[in-house]
Amino acid sequence: MSTRSTRPARSTRKSDAARSRLLDAATADFAAHGIAGARVDRIAAAAGINKAQLYAYFGDKLSLFGAVYRLHAYAVVGSVPFTADDLPGYAVGLYDASVERPELVRLTTWARLEGVVTDDLVAGDSSVAAKLRAIAEAQRSGTVSAAMEPRDVLALVLAMALAWSPAGPSATATTSDTPSSDHVRRKRALREAVSGAFAPSSRVS
């Protein structure tokens, strides 16, 4: 009886381990080669499984990319506490998280280059709806400017936080050898910019 009951648990652990290895291998391949350049056989070999198993887990290469993207996007977003009353602090937290997890930036860059809409990949993230509700409430209470829609406020905060990332518009992108003094300066500027951009009109001098 006990032997039979342990078999499903062992099978689940093996399946979870294989899936985790696949996601790790796929992260490295997509980040290095993009979606079109990634090779399913190379990913499967790096994960130590066969291609049939990969397709059984994820269906196709684009679905695998979506799973990889969500893994890293949720890890970054989930690591930064969100408070609508402190949008500057949230932006700085996102900056730090993007520096610590450069895979997401590279994946986003490839997705843009290849025309994959990343918003569609995380459309089911319930935390986005919660953030929008929090921003709307902050606007009603007068702590965040009501001049913009909550979704536009959130989009702009994200864009500002990632302004120095390789996926952003800045010519001075963050790299692994960026001096710490640059990070300090950028985060100070980011905090000031977000604070000024979304302050209620009565607080703008």
C-alpha atoms as a PDB file:
ATOM      1  CA  MET A   1       0.000   0.000   0.000  1.00  0.00           C
ATOM      2  CA  SER A   2       2.704   2.470   0.978  1.00  0.00           C
ATOM      3  CA  THR A   3       4.763   1.585  -2.111  1.00  0.00           C
ATOM      4  CA  ARG A   4       1.822   2.266  -4.398  1.00  0.00           C
ATOM      5  CA  SER A   5       1.033   5.580  -2.712  1.00  0.00           C
ATOM      6  CA  THR A   6       4.583   6.853  -3.125  1.00  0.00           C
ATOM      7  CA  ARG A   7       4.745   6.159  -6.869  1.00  0.00           C
ATOM      8  CA  PRO A   8       2.513   9.089  -7.954  1.00  0.00           C
ATOM      9  CA  ALA A   9       4.468  11.456  -5.699  1.00  0.00           C
ATOM     10  CA  ARG A  10       7.777  10.293  -7.151  1.00  0.00           C
ATOM     11  CA  SER A  11       6.396  10.633 -10.670  1.00  0.00           C
ATOM     12  CA  THR A  12       5.202  14.164  -9.928  1.00  0.00           C
ATOM     13  CA  ARG A  13       8.588  15.142  -8.505  1.00  0.00           C
ATOM     14  CA  LYS A  14      10.354  13.761 -11.583  1.00  0.00           C
ATOM     15  CA  SER A  15       7.933  15.604 -13.855  1.00  0.00           C
ATOM     16  CA  ASP A  16       8.417  18.866 -11.955  1.00  0.00           C
ATOM     17  CA  ALA A  17      12.191  18.450 -12.082  1.00  0.00           C
ATOM     18  CA  ALA A  18      12.120  17.816 -15.832  1.00  0.00           C
ATOM     19  CA  ARG A  19       9.901  20.843 -16.394  1.00  0.00           C
ATOM     20  CA  SER A  20      12.236  23.002 -14.306  1.00  0.00           C
ATOM     21  CA  ARG A  21      15.275  21.831 -16.291  1.00  0.00           C
ATOM     22  CA  LEU A  22      13.430  22.593 -19.515  1.00  0.00           C
ATOM     23  CA  LEU A  23      12.596  26.119 -18.394  1.00  0.00           C
ATOM     24  CA  ASP A  24      16.207  26.735 -17.348  1.00  0.00           C
ATOM     25  CA  ALA A  25      17.551  25.420 -20.651  1.00  0.00           C
ATOM     26  CA  ALA A  26      14.946  27.337 -22.645  1.00  0.00           C
ATOM     27  CA  THR A  27      15.731  30.554 -20.774  1.00  0.00           C
ATOM     28  CA  ALA A  28      19.385  30.310 -21.767  1.00  0.00           C
ATOM     29  CA  ASP A  29      18.592  29.438 -25.390  1.00  0.00           C
ATOM     30  CA  PHE A  30      15.910  32.084 -25.928  1.00  0.00           C
ATOM     31  CA  ALA A  31      17.999  34.766 -24.225  1.00  0.00           C
ATOM     32  CA  ALA A  32      20.993  33.954 -26.422  1.00  0.00           C
ATOM     33  CA  HIS A  33      19.311  33.237 -29.759  1.00  0.00           C
ATOM     34  CA  GLY A  34      15.816  34.721 -29.682  1.00  0.00           C
ATOM     35  CA  ILE A  35      12.598  32.921 -30.512  1.00  0.00           C
ATOM     36  CA  ALA A  36      13.331  32.147 -34.153  1.00  0.00           C
ATOM     37  CA  GLY A  37      16.937  31.209 -33.422  1.00  0.00           C
ATOM     38  CA  ALA A  38      16.194  28.932 -30.474  1.00  0.00           C
ATOM     39  CA  ARG A  39      16.366  25.209 -31.239  1.00  0.00           C
ATOM     40  CA  VAL A  40      13.969  22.770 -29.629  1.00  0.00           C
ATOM     41  CA  ASP A  41      16.416  19.884 -29.991  1.00  0.00           C
ATOM     42  CA  ARG A  42      19.178  21.939 -28.356  1.00  0.00           C
ATOM     43  CA  ILE A  43      16.906  22.904 -25.457  1.00  0.00           C
ATOM     44  CA  ALA A  44      15.762  19.313 -24.944  1.00  0.00           C
ATOM     45  CA  ALA A  45      19.347  18.039 -25.009  1.00  0.00           C
ATOM     46  CA  ALA A  46      20.471  20.660 -22.488  1.00  0.00           C
ATOM     47  CA  ALA A  47      17.592  19.657 -20.203  1.00  0.00           C
ATOM     48  CA  GLY A  48      18.414  15.965 -20.560  1.00  0.00           C
ATOM     49  CA  ILE A  49      15.073  14.940 -22.062  1.00  0.00           C
ATOM     50  CA  ASN A  50      13.774  14.131 -25.536  1.00  0.00           C
ATOM     51  CA  LYS A  51      11.823  16.450 -27.826  1.00  0.00           C
ATOM     52  CA  ALA A  52       8.627  14.430 -27.424  1.00  0.00           C
ATOM     53  CA  GLN A  53       8.625  15.225 -23.709  1.00  0.00           C
ATOM     54  CA  LEU A  54       9.183  18.908 -24.421  1.00  0.00           C
ATOM     55  CA  TYR A  55       6.198  19.020 -26.751  1.00  0.00           C
ATOM     56  CA  ALA A  56       4.119  17.100 -24.209  1.00  0.00           C
ATOM     57  CA  TYR A  57       4.860  19.744 -21.581  1.00  0.00           C
ATOM     58  CA  PHE A  58       4.559  22.904 -23.678  1.00  0.00           C
ATOM     59  CA  GLY A  59       2.997  22.098 -27.058  1.00  0.00           C
ATOM     60  CA  ASP A  60       5.227  24.182 -29.320  1.00  0.00           C
ATOM     61  CA  LYS A  61       8.182  26.555 -29.244  1.00  0.00           C
ATOM     62  CA  LEU A  62       6.144  29.748 -28.904  1.00  0.00           C
ATOM     63  CA  SER A  63       4.214  28.281 -25.972  1.00  0.00           C
ATOM     64  CA  LEU A  64       7.532  27.345 -24.384  1.00  0.00           C
ATOM     65  CA  PHE A  65       8.730  30.927 -24.836  1.00  0.00           C
ATOM     66  CA  GLY A  66       5.521  32.146 -23.198  1.00  0.00           C
ATOM     67  CA  ALA A  67       6.126  29.889 -20.202  1.00  0.00           C
ATOM     68  CA  VAL A  68       9.709  31.127 -19.899  1.00  0.00           C
ATOM     69  CA  TYR A  69       8.647  34.760 -20.197  1.00  0.00           C
ATOM     70  CA  ARG A  70       5.930  34.398 -17.559  1.00  0.00           C
ATOM     71  CA  LEU A  71       8.362  32.669 -15.204  1.00  0.00           C
ATOM     72  CA  HIS A  72      10.733  35.627 -15.241  1.00  0.00           C
ATOM     73  CA  ALA A  73       8.100  38.365 -15.504  1.00  0.00           C
ATOM     74  CA  TYR A  74       6.191  37.049 -12.501  1.00  0.00           C
ATOM     75  CA  ALA A  75       9.444  36.621 -10.561  1.00  0.00           C
ATOM     76  CA  VAL A  76      10.390  40.267 -11.129  1.00  0.00           C
ATOM     77  CA  VAL A  77       6.916  41.680 -10.519  1.00  0.00           C
ATOM     78  CA  GLY A  78       6.307  39.409  -7.551  1.00  0.00           C
ATOM     79  CA  SER A  79       9.567  40.412  -5.897  1.00  0.00           C
ATOM     80  CA  VAL A  80       8.622  44.100  -5.744  1.00  0.00           C
ATOM     81  CA  PRO A  81       5.882  45.119  -3.294  1.00  0.00           C
ATOM     82  CA  PHE A  82       3.356  47.462  -4.885  1.00  0.00           C
ATOM     83  CA  THR A  83       1.858  50.433  -3.070  1.00  0.00           C
ATOM     84  CA  ALA A  84      -0.038  52.942  -5.173  1.00  0.00           C
ATOM     85  CA  ASP A  85       0.792  55.646  -2.635  1.00  0.00           C
ATOM     86  CA  ASP A  86       4.509  55.055  -3.294  1.00  0.00           C
ATOM     87  CA  LEU A  87       4.898  54.766  -7.058  1.00  0.00           C
ATOM     88  CA  PRO A  88       8.472  56.162  -6.911  1.00  0.00           C
ATOM     89  CA  GLY A  89       9.470  53.376  -4.514  1.00  0.00           C
ATOM     90  CA  TYR A  90       7.845  50.789  -6.770  1.00  0.00           C
ATOM     91  CA  ALA A  91       9.725  52.125  -9.801  1.00  0.00           C
ATOM     92  CA  VAL A  92      13.052  51.961  -7.962  1.00  0.00           C
ATOM     93  CA  GLY A  93      12.244  48.422  -6.836  1.00  0.00           C
ATOM     94  CA  LEU A  94      11.559  47.411 -10.437  1.00  0.00           C
ATOM     95  CA  TYR A  95      14.849  48.963 -11.508  1.00  0.00           C
ATOM     96  CA  ASP A  96      16.720  46.871  -8.937  1.00  0.00           C
ATOM     97  CA  ALA A  97      14.807  43.710  -9.865  1.00  0.00           C
ATOM     98  CA  SER A  98      15.549  44.153 -13.573  1.00  0.00           C
ATOM     99  CA  VAL A  99      19.255  44.551 -12.804  1.00  0.00           C
ATOM    100  CA  GLU A 100      19.218  41.376 -10.715  1.00  0.00           C
ATOM    101  CA  ARG A 101      17.288  39.401 -13.363  1.00  0.00           C
ATOM    102  CA  PRO A 102      18.667  40.431 -16.775  1.00  0.00           C
ATOM    103  CA  GLU A 103      17.099  37.404 -18.480  1.00  0.00           C
ATOM    104  CA  LEU A 104      13.720  39.155 -18.560  1.00  0.00           C
ATOM    105  CA  VAL A 105      15.197  42.178 -20.315  1.00  0.00           C
ATOM    106  CA  ARG A 106      16.839  40.014 -22.981  1.00  0.00           C
ATOM    107  CA  LEU A 107      13.645  38.000 -23.492  1.00  0.00           C
ATOM    108  CA  THR A 108      11.617  41.202 -23.825  1.00  0.00           C
ATOM    109  CA  THR A 109      14.094  42.589 -26.344  1.00  0.00           C
ATOM    110  CA  TRP A 110      13.866  39.466 -28.504  1.00  0.00           C
ATOM    111  CA  ALA A 111      10.063  39.460 -28.276  1.00  0.00           C
ATOM    112  CA  ARG A 112       9.911  43.047 -29.520  1.00  0.00           C
ATOM    113  CA  LEU A 113      12.318  42.375 -32.362  1.00  0.00           C
ATOM    114  CA  GLU A 114      10.298  39.355 -33.475  1.00  0.00           C
ATOM    115  CA  GLY A 115       6.870  40.931 -33.089  1.00  0.00           C
ATOM    116  CA  VAL A 116       5.646  38.898 -30.118  1.00  0.00           C
ATOM    117  CA  VAL A 117       3.301  40.948 -27.922  1.00  0.00           C
ATOM    118  CA  THR A 118       4.486  40.332 -24.374  1.00  0.00           C
ATOM    119  CA  ASP A 119       1.300  41.806 -22.878  1.00  0.00           C
ATOM    120  CA  ASP A 120      -0.564  38.812 -24.301  1.00  0.00           C
ATOM    121  CA  LEU A 121       1.843  36.446 -22.550  1.00  0.00           C
ATOM    122  CA  VAL A 122       0.968  37.810 -19.101  1.00  0.00           C
ATOM    123  CA  ALA A 123      -2.657  38.718 -19.772  1.00  0.00           C
ATOM    124  CA  GLY A 124      -3.852  36.333 -17.088  1.00  0.00           C
ATOM    125  CA  ASP A 125      -1.799  37.919 -14.306  1.00  0.00           C
ATOM    126  CA  SER A 126      -4.332  38.872 -11.636  1.00  0.00           C
ATOM    127  CA  SER A 127      -1.791  41.152  -9.940  1.00  0.00           C
ATOM    128  CA  VAL A 128      -2.122  43.650 -12.807  1.00  0.00           C
ATOM    129  CA  ALA A 129      -5.833  44.113 -12.121  1.00  0.00           C
ATOM    130  CA  ALA A 130      -5.082  44.542  -8.419  1.00  0.00           C
ATOM    131  CA  LYS A 131      -2.501  47.236  -9.182  1.00  0.00           C
ATOM    132  CA  LEU A 132      -4.951  49.092 -11.415  1.00  0.00           C
ATOM    133  CA  ARG A 133      -7.589  49.037  -8.684  1.00  0.00           C
ATOM    134  CA  ALA A 134      -5.059  50.338  -6.156  1.00  0.00           C
ATOM    135  CA  ILE A 135      -4.036  53.178  -8.474  1.00  0.00           C
ATOM    136  CA  ALA A 136      -7.689  54.105  -9.068  1.00  0.00           C
ATOM    137  CA  GLU A 137      -8.283  54.200  -5.318  1.00  0.00           C
ATOM    138  CA  ALA A 138      -5.184  56.366  -4.810  1.00  0.00           C
ATOM    139  CA  GLN A 139      -6.500  58.732  -7.473  1.00  0.00           C
ATOM    140  CA  ARG A 140      -9.851  58.971  -5.705  1.00  0.00           C
ATOM    141  CA  SER A 141      -8.139  59.671  -2.388  1.00  0.00           C
ATOM    142  CA  GLY A 142      -5.977  62.373  -3.958  1.00  0.00           C
ATOM    143  CA  THR A 143      -2.517  60.838  -3.529  1.00  0.00           C
ATOM    144  CA  VAL A 144      -1.998  60.107  -7.252  1.00  0.00           C
ATOM    145  CA  SER A 145      -2.877  62.408 -10.138  1.00  0.00           C
ATOM    146  CA  ALA A 146      -6.233  61.612 -11.714  1.00  0.00           C
ATOM    147  CA  ALA A 147      -5.207  63.175 -15.030  1.00  0.00           C
ATOM    148  CA  MET A 148      -4.418  59.744 -16.505  1.00  0.00           C
ATOM    149  CA  GLU A 149      -6.119  56.372 -16.659  1.00  0.00           C
ATOM    150  CA  PRO A 150      -4.737  53.875 -14.112  1.00  0.00           C
ATOM    151  CA  ARG A 151      -3.489  51.605 -16.911  1.00  0.00           C
ATOM    152  CA  ASP A 152      -1.527  54.509 -18.398  1.00  0.00           C
ATOM    153  CA  VAL A 153      -0.051  55.366 -15.009  1.00  0.00           C
ATOM    154  CA  LEU A 154       1.138  51.782 -14.561  1.00  0.00           C
ATOM    155  CA  ALA A 155       2.506  51.573 -18.115  1.00  0.00           C
ATOM    156  CA  LEU A 156       4.476  54.786 -17.671  1.00  0.00           C
ATOM    157  CA  VAL A 157       5.896  53.704 -14.314  1.00  0.00           C
ATOM    158  CA  LEU A 158       7.092  50.450 -15.897  1.00  0.00           C
ATOM    159  CA  ALA A 159       8.594  52.292 -18.868  1.00  0.00           C
ATOM    160  CA  MET A 160      10.404  54.763 -16.634  1.00  0.00           C
ATOM    161  CA  ALA A 161      11.748  52.012 -14.382  1.00  0.00           C
ATOM    162  CA  LEU A 162      13.184  50.173 -17.403  1.00  0.00           C
ATOM    163  CA  ALA A 163      14.436  53.288 -19.203  1.00  0.00           C
ATOM    164  CA  TRP A 164      18.075  52.233 -18.781  1.00  0.00           C
ATOM    165  CA  SER A 165      17.584  48.569 -19.580  1.00  0.00           C
ATOM    166  CA  PRO A 166      18.788  47.144 -22.929  1.00  0.00           C
ATOM    167  CA  ALA A 167      15.103  46.906 -23.866  1.00  0.00           C
ATOM    168  CA  GLY A 168      14.560  50.580 -23.101  1.00  0.00           C
ATOM    169  CA  PRO A 169      15.258  53.711 -25.152  1.00  0.00           C
ATOM    170  CA  SER A 170      18.373  54.906 -23.333  1.00  0.00           C
ATOM    171  CA  ALA A 171      21.749  54.870 -25.048  1.00  0.00           C
ATOM    172  CA  THR A 172      23.355  54.193 -21.651  1.00  0.00           C
ATOM    173  CA  ALA A 173      21.894  50.761 -21.007  1.00  0.00           C
ATOM    174  CA  THR A 174      22.546  48.931 -17.767  1.00  0.00           C
ATOM    175  CA  THR A 175      25.148  46.179 -18.039  1.00  0.00           C
ATOM    176  CA  SER A 176      26.814  43.831 -15.590  1.00  0.00           C
ATOM    177  CA  ASP A 177      29.760  46.211 -15.205  1.00  0.00           C
ATOM    178  CA  THR A 178      27.732  49.391 -14.654  1.00  0.00           C
ATOM    179  CA  PRO A 179      29.356  51.319 -11.752  1.00  0.00           C
ATOM    180  CA  SER A 180      27.348  51.404  -8.535  1.00  0.00           C
ATOM    181  CA  SER A 181      27.487  55.207  -8.601  1.00  0.00           C
ATOM    182  CA  ASP A 182      25.526  55.133 -11.870  1.00  0.00           C
ATOM    183  CA  HIS A 183      22.828  52.987 -10.271  1.00  0.00           C
ATOM    184  CA  VAL A 184      22.557  55.407  -7.353  1.00  0.00           C
ATOM    185  CA  ARG A 185      22.290  58.405  -9.688  1.00  0.00           C
ATOM    186  CA  ARG A 186      19.719  56.734 -11.924  1.00  0.00           C
ATOM    187  CA  LYS A 187      17.533  55.624  -9.035  1.00  0.00           C
ATOM    188  CA  ARG A 188      17.590  59.108  -7.563  1.00  0.00           C
ATOM    189  CA  ALA A 189      16.547  60.553 -10.934  1.00  0.00           C
ATOM    190  CA  LEU A 190      13.903  57.847 -11.349  1.00  0.00           C
ATOM    191  CA  ARG A 191      12.398  58.564  -7.949  1.00  0.00           C
ATOM    192  CA  GLU A 192      12.211  62.285  -8.701  1.00  0.00           C
ATOM    193  CA  ALA A 193      10.757  61.753 -12.176  1.00  0.00           C
ATOM    194  CA  VAL A 194       8.012  59.369 -11.052  1.00  0.00           C
ATOM    195  CA  SER A 195       7.177  61.533  -8.064  1.00  0.00           C
ATOM    196  CA  GLY A 196       6.760  64.587 -10.263  1.00  0.00           C
ATOM    197  CA  ALA A 197       4.909  62.800 -13.051  1.00  0.00           C
ATOM    198  CA  PHE A 198       2.096  61.417 -10.918  1.00  0.00           C
ATOM    199  CA  ALA A 199       1.772  63.936  -8.111  1.00  0.00           C
ATOM    200  CA  PRO A 200      -1.711  65.457  -7.742  1.00  0.00           C
ATOM    201  CA  SER A 201      -1.938  68.895  -9.332  1.00  0.00           C
ATOM    202  CA  SER A 202      -2.262  70.532  -5.920  1.00  0.00           C
ATOM    203  CA  ARG A 203       1.191  69.204  -5.009  1.00  0.00           C
ATOM    204  CA  VAL A 204       2.907  70.312  -8.214  1.00  0.00           C
ATOM    205  CA  SER A 205       4.764  73.579  -7.667  1.00  0.00           C
END
